[in-house]
Every structure is written in structure tokens, then in C-alpha cells.
C-alpha atoms as a PDB file:
ATOM      1  CA  MET A   1      82.112 157.649  65.449  1.00  0.00           C
ATOM      2  CA  SER A   2      83.708 157.694  62.006  1.00  0.00           C
ATOM      3  CA  GLU A   3      81.765 158.409  58.831  1.00  0.00           C
ATOM      4  CA  SER A   4      82.180 154.764  57.818  1.00  0.00           C
ATOM      5  CA  GLY A   5      80.875 153.716  61.228  1.00  0.00           C
ATOM      6  CA  ASN A   6      77.861 156.009  60.828  1.00  0.00           C
ATOM      7  CA  GLU A   7      77.125 154.529  57.407  1.00  0.00           C
ATOM      8  CA  GLN A   8      77.374 151.004  58.790  1.00  0.00           C
ATOM      9  CA  SER A   9      75.125 151.933  61.704  1.00  0.00           C
ATOM     10  CA  LEU A  10      72.562 153.431  59.329  1.00  0.00           C
ATOM     11  CA  ALA A  11      72.723 150.372  57.080  1.00  0.00           C
ATOM     12  CA  ASN A  12      72.148 148.080  60.068  1.00  0.00           C
ATOM     13  CA  GLU A  13      69.230 150.182  61.291  1.00  0.00           C
ATOM     14  CA  LEU A  14      67.650 150.168  57.823  1.00  0.00           C
ATOM     15  CA  LYS A  15      68.066 146.408  57.565  1.00  0.00           C
ATOM     16  CA  CYS A  16      66.370 145.924  60.938  1.00  0.00           C
ATOM     17  CA  ARG A  17      63.479 148.213  60.008  1.00  0.00           C
ATOM     18  CA  ILE A  18      62.950 146.499  56.666  1.00  0.00           C
ATOM     19  CA  LEU A  19      62.847 143.102  58.350  1.00  0.00           C
ATOM     20  CA  GLU A  20      60.564 144.327  61.157  1.00  0.00           C
ATOM     21  CA  THR A  21      58.047 145.852  58.774  1.00  0.00           C
ATOM     22  CA  GLN A  22      57.972 142.781  56.519  1.00  0.00           C
ATOM     23  CA  ASP A  23      58.926 144.990  53.556  1.00  0.00           C
ATOM     24  CA  ARG A  24      61.538 142.471  52.419  1.00  0.00           C
ATOM     25  CA  SER A  25      58.937 139.714  52.369  1.00  0.00           C
ATOM     26  CA  ARG A  26      56.512 141.933  50.446  1.00  0.00           C
ATOM     27  CA  LEU A  27      59.183 142.781  47.855  1.00  0.00           C
ATOM     28  CA  LYS A  28      60.130 139.128  47.500  1.00  0.00           C
ATOM     29  CA  LYS A  29      56.476 138.182  46.898  1.00  0.00           C
ATOM     30  CA  LEU A  30      56.108 140.987  44.356  1.00  0.00           C
ATOM     31  CA  LEU A  31      59.236 139.878  42.485  1.00  0.00           C
ATOM     32  CA  THR A  32      58.110 136.248  42.481  1.00  0.00           C
ATOM     33  CA  LYS A  33      54.673 137.225  41.172  1.00  0.00           C
ATOM     34  CA  ARG A  34      56.070 139.449  38.417  1.00  0.00           C
ATOM     35  CA  LEU A  35      58.501 136.752  37.273  1.00  0.00           C
ATOM     36  CA  LYS A  36      55.728 134.184  37.203  1.00  0.00           C
ATOM     37  CA  ASP A  37      53.330 136.535  35.398  1.00  0.00           C
ATOM     38  CA  CYS A  38      55.801 137.233  32.585  1.00  0.00           C
ATOM     39  CA  GLY A  39      56.667 133.550  32.162  1.00  0.00           C
ATOM     40  CA  TRP A  40      60.273 133.983  33.259  1.00  0.00           C
ATOM     41  CA  LYS A  41      60.158 131.119  35.755  1.00  0.00           C
ATOM     42  CA  ASP A  42      58.788 128.755  33.102  1.00  0.00           C
ATOM     43  CA  LYS A  43      61.498 129.854  30.636  1.00  0.00           C
ATOM     44  CA  ILE A  44      64.212 129.150  33.202  1.00  0.00           C
ATOM     45  CA  LYS A  45      62.704 125.760  34.053  1.00  0.00           C
ATOM     46  CA  LYS A  46      62.549 124.788  30.369  1.00  0.00           C
ATOM     47  CA  LEU A  47      66.094 126.020  29.814  1.00  0.00           C
ATOM     48  CA  CYS A  48      67.342 123.880  32.717  1.00  0.00           C
ATOM     49  CA  ILE A  49      65.568 120.807  31.374  1.00  0.00           C
ATOM     50  CA  ASP A  50      66.967 121.396  27.879  1.00  0.00           C
ATOM     51  CA  ILE A  51      70.530 121.831  29.165  1.00  0.00           C
ATOM     52  CA  ILE A  52      70.308 118.717  31.350  1.00  0.00           C
ATOM     53  CA  ARG A  53      68.918 116.654  28.462  1.00  0.00           C
ATOM     54  CA  GLU A  54      71.636 117.938  26.127  1.00  0.00           C
ATOM     55  CA  LYS A  55      74.580 117.319  28.473  1.00  0.00           C
ATOM     56  CA  GLY A  56      73.162 114.454  30.522  1.00  0.00           C
ATOM     57  CA  ILE A  57      72.270 114.541  34.204  1.00  0.00           C
ATOM     58  CA  ASP A  58      75.557 112.896  35.174  1.00  0.00           C
ATOM     59  CA  ASN A  59      77.655 115.241  33.050  1.00  0.00           C
ATOM     60  CA  ILE A  60      76.650 118.634  34.398  1.00  0.00           C
ATOM     61  CA  LYS A  61      77.336 120.287  37.706  1.00  0.00           C
ATOM     62  CA  LEU A  62      75.071 122.798  39.383  1.00  0.00           C
ATOM     63  CA  ASP A  63      77.498 125.686  38.882  1.00  0.00           C
ATOM     64  CA  GLN A  64      77.694 124.886  35.147  1.00  0.00           C
ATOM     65  CA  LEU A  65      73.911 124.861  34.910  1.00  0.00           C
ATOM     66  CA  GLU A  66      73.732 128.128  36.826  1.00  0.00           C
ATOM     67  CA  SER A  67      76.267 129.861  34.602  1.00  0.00           C
ATOM     68  CA  SER A  68      74.464 128.654  31.464  1.00  0.00           C
ATOM     69  CA  ILE A  69      71.203 130.084  32.743  1.00  0.00           C
ATOM     70  CA  LEU A  70      72.707 133.378  33.854  1.00  0.00           C
ATOM     71  CA  ASN A  71      74.292 133.834  30.454  1.00  0.00           C
ATOM     72  CA  ASP A  72      71.063 133.140  28.546  1.00  0.00           C
ATOM     73  CA  GLU A  73      68.198 134.510  30.575  1.00  0.00           C
ATOM     74  CA  SER A  74      68.157 137.598  32.704  1.00  0.00           C
ATOM     75  CA  VAL A  75      65.299 139.202  34.553  1.00  0.00           C
ATOM     76  CA  PRO A  76      63.302 141.502  32.244  1.00  0.00           C
ATOM     77  CA  VAL A  77      64.369 145.141  32.514  1.00  0.00           C
ATOM     78  CA  GLU A  78      60.876 146.391  33.342  1.00  0.00           C
ATOM     79  CA  ILE A  79      60.725 144.080  36.363  1.00  0.00           C
ATOM     80  CA  LYS A  80      64.182 145.181  37.526  1.00  0.00           C
ATOM     81  CA  VAL A  81      63.112 148.829  37.234  1.00  0.00           C
ATOM     82  CA  GLU A  82      59.871 148.235  39.135  1.00  0.00           C
ATOM     83  CA  ILE A  83      61.574 146.400  41.997  1.00  0.00           C
ATOM     84  CA  LEU A  84      64.393 148.961  42.218  1.00  0.00           C
ATOM     85  CA  GLN A  85      61.817 151.777  42.358  1.00  0.00           C
ATOM     86  CA  GLN A  86      60.023 149.955  45.165  1.00  0.00           C
ATOM     87  CA  ILE A  87      63.296 149.534  47.068  1.00  0.00           C
ATOM     88  CA  SER A  88      64.220 153.179  46.546  1.00  0.00           C
ATOM     89  CA  SER A  89      60.830 154.374  47.820  1.00  0.00           C
ATOM     90  CA  LEU A  90      61.066 152.044  50.784  1.00  0.00           C
ATOM     91  CA  LEU A  91      64.528 153.314  51.692  1.00  0.00           C
ATOM     92  CA  ASP A  92      63.386 156.944  51.352  1.00  0.00           C
ATOM     93  CA  VAL A  93      60.569 156.333  53.824  1.00  0.00           C
ATOM     94  CA  HIS A  94      62.773 154.558  56.350  1.00  0.00           C
ATOM     95  CA  ILE A  95      65.600 157.081  56.049  1.00  0.00           C
ATOM     96  CA  SER A  96      63.225 160.005  56.611  1.00  0.00           C
ATOM     97  CA  GLN A  97      61.819 158.225  59.684  1.00  0.00           C
ATOM     98  CA  LEU A  98      65.336 157.685  61.022  1.00  0.00           C
ATOM     99  CA  GLU A  99      66.210 161.333  60.417  1.00  0.00           C
ATOM    100  CA  LYS A 100      63.107 162.436  62.369  1.00  0.00           C
ATOM    101  CA  ASN A 101      64.144 160.185  65.264  1.00  0.00           C
ATOM    102  CA  ILE A 102      67.659 161.658  65.284  1.00  0.00           C
ATOM    103  CA  LYS A 103      66.444 165.268  65.494  1.00  0.00           C
END
């Protein structure tokens, strides 16, 4: 099997393990909680309402609203770092388990 094939196989195995162990669901809940706790979700909601009121509900498309939001409000850096650290730790655990199974 080629190196690219091995990488794809490993990626598929990791994806399956993450789904089986509910780690993805746990990370999603953590992200949702952190965004709610810092008020990010409320900021985005208010921003959407303000943009719709300014342009009019009939004069804005979803992709325009999305691009306006993405340009103005991004996820706080500390939340990005926390979630990426969680993902990295999770991958380390699953990769080491896969390596043990291979040997």
C-alpha cells in the first residue's frame, strides 16, 4: 500500500474511533458550552438581527449574512486553543492505541 494509502487508512480508522467513542460529540458539546459562556452566540445573534434590520429581510441572502458575520466576529482565540488542544490530545491517544494494535 502506498504512503498516501496508509495515511488515508489511518485517517479513516481515527475517524471511526472518534465517532465510536463519542469524542466528537463531547468536543462539540464543549465548544457549544464555551461559546455560550463567553457570550459569542448572543453576539452573533444580535449581529444577524442588526444586519437584517439594516438591509431588510427581503434584501439579504443567507450567504451575504454569513459573510458579514464571518468578517466581523470570529471565535475567541482562547476557545480555539482549548478545542485544538483537546483534539490534539484525543488524536495522540487514538494514534498510540492504533500503533499498539499494529505491533
